[in-house]
Amino acid sequence: MSTISPRLGQTYLRPAIEIFVGIPSIVYGWTGLTVLSPFIRDLFHLPYGNTVFTASLVLALMIFPTITSVAADSLTAVPESYQQAAYALGSTRWQMIWRVMLPAAGPGIGTGIILGLTRAFGEALAVSMVIGKTRAFPKNIFSSTSTLTSVIASNMGNTFDGTEYNSALWTMALLLLLISLFFIILTHLLARQGGGGKHGPAKT
């Protein structure tokens, strides 16, 4: 999309990925429930297909377009002079990509990964459709369980203030908030590192 075949990437791949970014979560959940869950069940000979593994695949499909889009922007933003300098030193195209472009775009790619993960942390609808929503800790990746977001969304309206279960739900919400804040801070640190690496003084 950015280096090997930019014309093909900008004409076809980039619009297709942006379409996937805008697809609602319920579409991913419905597709996972009707297509992916039976496939996982038959592939691994399981009694049911609503497992942690299925939910992980659905989340991976959901966050992949976001990560790809941000990573492509980061690679495109690498100055062309970096590529010309690498070719002038005798690098092949793959050496230029691996040793010049990827390190230069590393903070931006890392930011894209974190943004995708934060979307996965806060996702409730798609995951709840394919994970089984059982009140039990999973024994392995092929077990059913529930997520923090799905439990909070399903039960917060059915509890009374001051009860033990209501306090437990608020504690789970606080945990999600702390996780989100941690990754937001990490995103800012990566952005600052990328800005310093791009505009800071050269080291010899």
C-alpha atoms as a PDB file:
ATOM      1  CA  MET A   1       0.000   0.000   0.000  1.00  0.00           C
ATOM      2  CA  SER A   2       2.797   2.459   0.718  1.00  0.00           C
ATOM      3  CA  THR A   3       5.989   1.137  -0.879  1.00  0.00           C
ATOM      4  CA  ILE A   4       5.720  -2.041  -2.938  1.00  0.00           C
ATOM      5  CA  SER A   5       2.668  -1.116  -5.019  1.00  0.00           C
ATOM      6  CA  PRO A   6       1.359   2.285  -3.902  1.00  0.00           C
ATOM      7  CA  ARG A   7      -0.861   2.788  -6.949  1.00  0.00           C
ATOM      8  CA  LEU A   8      -2.665  -0.520  -6.389  1.00  0.00           C
ATOM      9  CA  GLY A   9      -2.788   0.083  -2.651  1.00  0.00           C
ATOM     10  CA  GLN A  10      -4.250   3.580  -2.866  1.00  0.00           C
ATOM     11  CA  THR A  11      -6.708   2.657  -5.619  1.00  0.00           C
ATOM     12  CA  TYR A  12      -8.102  -0.621  -4.328  1.00  0.00           C
ATOM     13  CA  LEU A  13      -6.663  -1.817  -1.008  1.00  0.00           C
ATOM     14  CA  ARG A  14      -6.977   1.416   0.967  1.00  0.00           C
ATOM     15  CA  PRO A  15     -10.679   2.004   0.127  1.00  0.00           C
ATOM     16  CA  ALA A  16     -11.469  -1.637   0.917  1.00  0.00           C
ATOM     17  CA  ILE A  17      -9.752  -1.420   4.311  1.00  0.00           C
ATOM     18  CA  GLU A  18     -11.546   1.829   5.138  1.00  0.00           C
ATOM     19  CA  ILE A  19     -14.848   0.095   4.392  1.00  0.00           C
ATOM     20  CA  PHE A  20     -13.974  -2.616   6.908  1.00  0.00           C
ATOM     21  CA  VAL A  21     -13.131   0.061   9.493  1.00  0.00           C
ATOM     22  CA  GLY A  22     -16.663   1.461   9.218  1.00  0.00           C
ATOM     23  CA  ILE A  23     -18.527  -1.862   9.487  1.00  0.00           C
ATOM     24  CA  PRO A  24     -20.662  -1.959  12.679  1.00  0.00           C
ATOM     25  CA  SER A  25     -19.692  -4.332  15.466  1.00  0.00           C
ATOM     26  CA  ILE A  26     -22.933  -6.284  15.218  1.00  0.00           C
ATOM     27  CA  VAL A  27     -22.053  -7.319  11.666  1.00  0.00           C
ATOM     28  CA  TYR A  28     -18.782  -8.819  12.883  1.00  0.00           C
ATOM     29  CA  GLY A  29     -20.614 -10.520  15.732  1.00  0.00           C
ATOM     30  CA  TRP A  30     -23.320 -11.935  13.473  1.00  0.00           C
ATOM     31  CA  THR A  31     -20.734 -13.200  10.977  1.00  0.00           C
ATOM     32  CA  GLY A  32     -18.758 -14.822  13.779  1.00  0.00           C
ATOM     33  CA  LEU A  33     -21.887 -16.408  15.213  1.00  0.00           C
ATOM     34  CA  THR A  34     -23.211 -17.825  11.948  1.00  0.00           C
ATOM     35  CA  VAL A  35     -19.986 -18.625  10.095  1.00  0.00           C
ATOM     36  CA  LEU A  36     -16.957 -18.711  12.370  1.00  0.00           C
ATOM     37  CA  SER A  37     -18.472 -20.472  15.408  1.00  0.00           C
ATOM     38  CA  PRO A  38     -19.743 -23.523  13.452  1.00  0.00           C
ATOM     39  CA  PHE A  39     -16.423 -23.696  11.603  1.00  0.00           C
ATOM     40  CA  ILE A  40     -14.411 -23.699  14.844  1.00  0.00           C
ATOM     41  CA  ARG A  41     -16.768 -26.258  16.355  1.00  0.00           C
ATOM     42  CA  ASP A  42     -16.400 -28.659  13.424  1.00  0.00           C
ATOM     43  CA  LEU A  43     -12.668 -28.032  12.963  1.00  0.00           C
ATOM     44  CA  PHE A  44     -11.681 -28.835  16.544  1.00  0.00           C
ATOM     45  CA  HIS A  45     -14.564 -31.289  17.228  1.00  0.00           C
ATOM     46  CA  LEU A  46     -15.992 -29.208  20.056  1.00  0.00           C
ATOM     47  CA  PRO A  47     -19.484 -29.467  21.557  1.00  0.00           C
ATOM     48  CA  TYR A  48     -19.981 -25.742  20.824  1.00  0.00           C
ATOM     49  CA  GLY A  49     -18.191 -23.034  18.886  1.00  0.00           C
ATOM     50  CA  ASN A  50     -18.732 -20.045  21.189  1.00  0.00           C
ATOM     51  CA  THR A  51     -15.313 -19.943  22.795  1.00  0.00           C
ATOM     52  CA  VAL A  52     -12.546 -17.545  23.770  1.00  0.00           C
ATOM     53  CA  PHE A  53     -10.682 -18.565  20.615  1.00  0.00           C
ATOM     54  CA  THR A  54     -13.644 -17.598  18.415  1.00  0.00           C
ATOM     55  CA  ALA A  55     -14.009 -14.249  20.163  1.00  0.00           C
ATOM     56  CA  SER A  56     -10.275 -13.609  19.729  1.00  0.00           C
ATOM     57  CA  LEU A  57     -10.528 -14.212  15.988  1.00  0.00           C
ATOM     58  CA  VAL A  58     -13.509 -11.873  15.681  1.00  0.00           C
ATOM     59  CA  LEU A  59     -11.653  -9.148  17.582  1.00  0.00           C
ATOM     60  CA  ALA A  60      -8.565  -9.677  15.438  1.00  0.00           C
ATOM     61  CA  LEU A  61     -10.651  -9.188  12.303  1.00  0.00           C
ATOM     62  CA  MET A  62     -12.200  -6.056  13.799  1.00  0.00           C
ATOM     63  CA  ILE A  63      -8.974  -4.307  14.793  1.00  0.00           C
ATOM     64  CA  PHE A  64      -6.873  -5.376  11.795  1.00  0.00           C
ATOM     65  CA  PRO A  65      -8.239  -2.656   9.437  1.00  0.00           C
ATOM     66  CA  THR A  66      -7.556   0.062  12.021  1.00  0.00           C
ATOM     67  CA  ILE A  67      -3.991  -1.112  12.572  1.00  0.00           C
ATOM     68  CA  THR A  68      -3.396  -1.450   8.835  1.00  0.00           C
ATOM     69  CA  SER A  69      -4.715   2.022   8.048  1.00  0.00           C
ATOM     70  CA  VAL A  70      -2.602   3.765  10.698  1.00  0.00           C
ATOM     71  CA  ALA A  71       0.484   1.714   9.776  1.00  0.00           C
ATOM     72  CA  ALA A  72       0.088   2.634   6.102  1.00  0.00           C
ATOM     73  CA  ASP A  73      -0.150   6.330   7.005  1.00  0.00           C
ATOM     74  CA  SER A  74       2.999   6.035   9.122  1.00  0.00           C
ATOM     75  CA  LEU A  75       4.944   4.346   6.331  1.00  0.00           C
ATOM     76  CA  THR A  76       3.743   6.898   3.779  1.00  0.00           C
ATOM     77  CA  ALA A  77       4.893   9.724   6.076  1.00  0.00           C
ATOM     78  CA  VAL A  78       8.509   8.499   6.045  1.00  0.00           C
ATOM     79  CA  PRO A  79      10.517  11.058   4.019  1.00  0.00           C
ATOM     80  CA  GLU A  80      11.453   9.905   0.537  1.00  0.00           C
ATOM     81  CA  SER A  81      15.019  11.047   1.189  1.00  0.00           C
ATOM     82  CA  TYR A  82      15.390   8.105   3.598  1.00  0.00           C
ATOM     83  CA  GLN A  83      14.614   5.682   0.790  1.00  0.00           C
ATOM     84  CA  GLN A  84      16.932   7.452  -1.666  1.00  0.00           C
ATOM     85  CA  ALA A  85      19.751   7.427   0.872  1.00  0.00           C
ATOM     86  CA  ALA A  86      19.284   3.704   1.483  1.00  0.00           C
ATOM     87  CA  TYR A  87      19.355   2.955  -2.244  1.00  0.00           C
ATOM     88  CA  ALA A  88      22.440   5.156  -2.645  1.00  0.00           C
ATOM     89  CA  LEU A  89      24.215   3.039  -0.027  1.00  0.00           C
ATOM     90  CA  GLY A  90      23.473  -0.108  -2.023  1.00  0.00           C
ATOM     91  CA  SER A  91      20.440  -1.453  -0.160  1.00  0.00           C
ATOM     92  CA  THR A  92      17.915  -3.640  -1.893  1.00  0.00           C
ATOM     93  CA  ARG A  93      14.241  -2.771  -1.688  1.00  0.00           C
ATOM     94  CA  TRP A  94      13.601  -5.296   1.095  1.00  0.00           C
ATOM     95  CA  GLN A  95      16.630  -4.076   3.042  1.00  0.00           C
ATOM     96  CA  MET A  96      15.370  -0.513   2.691  1.00  0.00           C
ATOM     97  CA  ILE A  97      11.916  -1.513   3.954  1.00  0.00           C
ATOM     98  CA  TRP A  98      13.206  -3.645   6.824  1.00  0.00           C
ATOM     99  CA  ARG A  99      16.082  -1.491   8.060  1.00  0.00           C
ATOM    100  CA  VAL A 100      14.964   2.043   7.150  1.00  0.00           C
ATOM    101  CA  MET A 101      11.218   2.439   6.689  1.00  0.00           C
ATOM    102  CA  LEU A 102       9.973   0.133   9.440  1.00  0.00           C
ATOM    103  CA  PRO A 103      12.240   1.631  12.148  1.00  0.00           C
ATOM    104  CA  ALA A 104      11.343   5.164  11.040  1.00  0.00           C
ATOM    105  CA  ALA A 105       7.620   4.384  11.085  1.00  0.00           C
ATOM    106  CA  GLY A 106       7.859   2.213  14.219  1.00  0.00           C
ATOM    107  CA  PRO A 107       6.213   4.674  16.662  1.00  0.00           C
ATOM    108  CA  GLY A 108       3.307   5.227  14.283  1.00  0.00           C
ATOM    109  CA  ILE A 109       2.837   1.511  13.748  1.00  0.00           C
ATOM    110  CA  GLY A 110       2.943   0.968  17.500  1.00  0.00           C
ATOM    111  CA  THR A 111       0.303   3.668  17.934  1.00  0.00           C
ATOM    112  CA  GLY A 112      -1.923   1.894  15.421  1.00  0.00           C
ATOM    113  CA  ILE A 113      -1.565  -1.379  17.302  1.00  0.00           C
ATOM    114  CA  ILE A 114      -2.470   0.304  20.587  1.00  0.00           C
ATOM    115  CA  LEU A 115      -5.499   2.012  19.022  1.00  0.00           C
ATOM    116  CA  GLY A 116      -6.673  -1.347  17.725  1.00  0.00           C
ATOM    117  CA  LEU A 117      -6.190  -2.955  21.125  1.00  0.00           C
ATOM    118  CA  THR A 118      -8.114  -0.203  22.895  1.00  0.00           C
ATOM    119  CA  ARG A 119     -11.021  -0.824  20.536  1.00  0.00           C
ATOM    120  CA  ALA A 120     -10.834  -4.519  21.391  1.00  0.00           C
ATOM    121  CA  PHE A 121     -10.830  -3.756  25.135  1.00  0.00           C
ATOM    122  CA  GLY A 122     -14.015  -1.723  24.909  1.00  0.00           C
ATOM    123  CA  GLU A 123     -15.885  -4.005  22.531  1.00  0.00           C
ATOM    124  CA  ALA A 124     -18.985  -5.602  24.058  1.00  0.00           C
ATOM    125  CA  LEU A 125     -21.548  -6.517  21.404  1.00  0.00           C
ATOM    126  CA  ALA A 126     -19.544  -8.578  18.922  1.00  0.00           C
ATOM    127  CA  VAL A 127     -17.651 -10.445  21.637  1.00  0.00           C
ATOM    128  CA  SER A 128     -20.752 -11.254  23.678  1.00  0.00           C
ATOM    129  CA  MET A 129     -22.331 -12.868  20.613  1.00  0.00           C
ATOM    130  CA  VAL A 130     -19.538 -15.398  20.114  1.00  0.00           C
ATOM    131  CA  ILE A 131     -17.918 -15.947  23.521  1.00  0.00           C
ATOM    132  CA  GLY A 132     -20.770 -17.845  25.156  1.00  0.00           C
ATOM    133  CA  LYS A 133     -21.534 -15.425  28.052  1.00  0.00           C
ATOM    134  CA  THR A 134     -21.103 -18.032  30.775  1.00  0.00           C
ATOM    135  CA  ARG A 135     -20.311 -16.968  34.345  1.00  0.00           C
ATOM    136  CA  ALA A 136     -17.160 -19.026  34.708  1.00  0.00           C
ATOM    137  CA  PHE A 137     -13.437 -18.528  34.283  1.00  0.00           C
ATOM    138  CA  PRO A 138     -12.211 -20.217  31.105  1.00  0.00           C
ATOM    139  CA  LYS A 139     -10.052 -23.298  31.527  1.00  0.00           C
ATOM    140  CA  ASN A 140      -8.491 -22.872  28.091  1.00  0.00           C
ATOM    141  CA  ILE A 141      -9.021 -20.948  24.865  1.00  0.00           C
ATOM    142  CA  PHE A 142     -11.760 -23.372  23.807  1.00  0.00           C
ATOM    143  CA  SER A 143     -13.931 -22.618  26.845  1.00  0.00           C
ATOM    144  CA  SER A 144     -16.816 -20.177  27.093  1.00  0.00           C
ATOM    145  CA  THR A 145     -16.710 -17.169  29.390  1.00  0.00           C
ATOM    146  CA  SER A 146     -17.754 -13.509  29.599  1.00  0.00           C
ATOM    147  CA  THR A 147     -15.895 -10.240  29.199  1.00  0.00           C
ATOM    148  CA  LEU A 148     -15.862  -7.218  31.477  1.00  0.00           C
ATOM    149  CA  THR A 149     -17.688  -5.041  28.958  1.00  0.00           C
ATOM    150  CA  SER A 150     -20.424  -7.567  28.223  1.00  0.00           C
ATOM    151  CA  VAL A 151     -21.087  -8.240  31.920  1.00  0.00           C
ATOM    152  CA  ILE A 152     -21.267  -4.520  32.718  1.00  0.00           C
ATOM    153  CA  ALA A 153     -23.557  -3.754  29.775  1.00  0.00           C
ATOM    154  CA  SER A 154     -25.883  -6.679  30.501  1.00  0.00           C
ATOM    155  CA  ASN A 155     -26.234  -6.319  34.275  1.00  0.00           C
ATOM    156  CA  MET A 156     -25.673  -2.700  35.274  1.00  0.00           C
ATOM    157  CA  GLY A 157     -29.318  -1.781  34.682  1.00  0.00           C
ATOM    158  CA  ASN A 158     -30.590  -4.726  36.734  1.00  0.00           C
ATOM    159  CA  THR A 159     -28.816  -3.906  40.001  1.00  0.00           C
ATOM    160  CA  PHE A 160     -29.526  -1.455  42.820  1.00  0.00           C
ATOM    161  CA  ASP A 161     -27.081   1.151  44.108  1.00  0.00           C
ATOM    162  CA  GLY A 162     -25.201   0.071  47.192  1.00  0.00           C
ATOM    163  CA  THR A 163     -25.579  -3.660  46.614  1.00  0.00           C
ATOM    164  CA  GLU A 164     -22.557  -5.933  46.477  1.00  0.00           C
ATOM    165  CA  TYR A 165     -23.071  -6.864  42.832  1.00  0.00           C
ATOM    166  CA  ASN A 166     -23.487  -3.217  41.829  1.00  0.00           C
ATOM    167  CA  SER A 167     -20.198  -2.396  43.563  1.00  0.00           C
ATOM    168  CA  ALA A 168     -18.541  -5.289  41.738  1.00  0.00           C
ATOM    169  CA  LEU A 169     -19.758  -3.937  38.391  1.00  0.00           C
ATOM    170  CA  TRP A 170     -18.414  -0.457  39.204  1.00  0.00           C
ATOM    171  CA  THR A 171     -15.089  -2.022  40.157  1.00  0.00           C
ATOM    172  CA  MET A 172     -14.982  -3.806  36.797  1.00  0.00           C
ATOM    173  CA  ALA A 173     -15.720  -0.478  35.076  1.00  0.00           C
ATOM    174  CA  LEU A 174     -12.884   1.143  37.013  1.00  0.00           C
ATOM    175  CA  LEU A 175     -10.542  -1.618  35.863  1.00  0.00           C
ATOM    176  CA  LEU A 176     -11.498  -0.978  32.234  1.00  0.00           C
ATOM    177  CA  LEU A 177     -10.916   2.737  32.743  1.00  0.00           C
ATOM    178  CA  LEU A 178      -7.449   2.168  34.190  1.00  0.00           C
ATOM    179  CA  ILE A 179      -6.522  -0.155  31.319  1.00  0.00           C
ATOM    180  CA  SER A 180      -7.700   2.441  28.786  1.00  0.00           C
ATOM    181  CA  LEU A 181      -5.792   5.247  30.534  1.00  0.00           C
ATOM    182  CA  PHE A 182      -2.623   3.148  30.550  1.00  0.00           C
ATOM    183  CA  PHE A 183      -2.767   2.581  26.814  1.00  0.00           C
ATOM    184  CA  ILE A 184      -3.672   6.221  26.107  1.00  0.00           C
ATOM    185  CA  ILE A 185      -0.554   7.297  28.015  1.00  0.00           C
ATOM    186  CA  LEU A 186       1.456   4.699  26.097  1.00  0.00           C
ATOM    187  CA  THR A 187       0.123   6.107  22.822  1.00  0.00           C
ATOM    188  CA  HIS A 188       1.255   9.614  23.787  1.00  0.00           C
ATOM    189  CA  LEU A 189       4.696   8.320  24.720  1.00  0.00           C
ATOM    190  CA  LEU A 190       5.050   6.607  21.358  1.00  0.00           C
ATOM    191  CA  ALA A 191       3.875   9.743  19.544  1.00  0.00           C
ATOM    192  CA  ARG A 192       6.410  11.838  21.456  1.00  0.00           C
ATOM    193  CA  GLN A 193       9.153   9.350  20.633  1.00  0.00           C
ATOM    194  CA  GLY A 194       8.227   9.446  16.973  1.00  0.00           C
ATOM    195  CA  GLY A 195       8.230  13.244  16.922  1.00  0.00           C
ATOM    196  CA  GLY A 196      11.614  13.387  18.593  1.00  0.00           C
ATOM    197  CA  GLY A 197      13.059  10.826  16.244  1.00  0.00           C
ATOM    198  CA  LYS A 198      11.810  12.687  13.183  1.00  0.00           C
ATOM    199  CA  HIS A 199      12.600  16.253  14.108  1.00  0.00           C
ATOM    200  CA  GLY A 200      15.279  15.911  16.738  1.00  0.00           C
ATOM    201  CA  PRO A 201      18.995  16.444  16.127  1.00  0.00           C
ATOM    202  CA  ALA A 202      20.914  13.721  14.361  1.00  0.00           C
ATOM    203  CA  LYS A 203      23.230  11.595  16.443  1.00  0.00           C
ATOM    204  CA  THR A 204      26.618  10.554  15.195  1.00  0.00           C
END
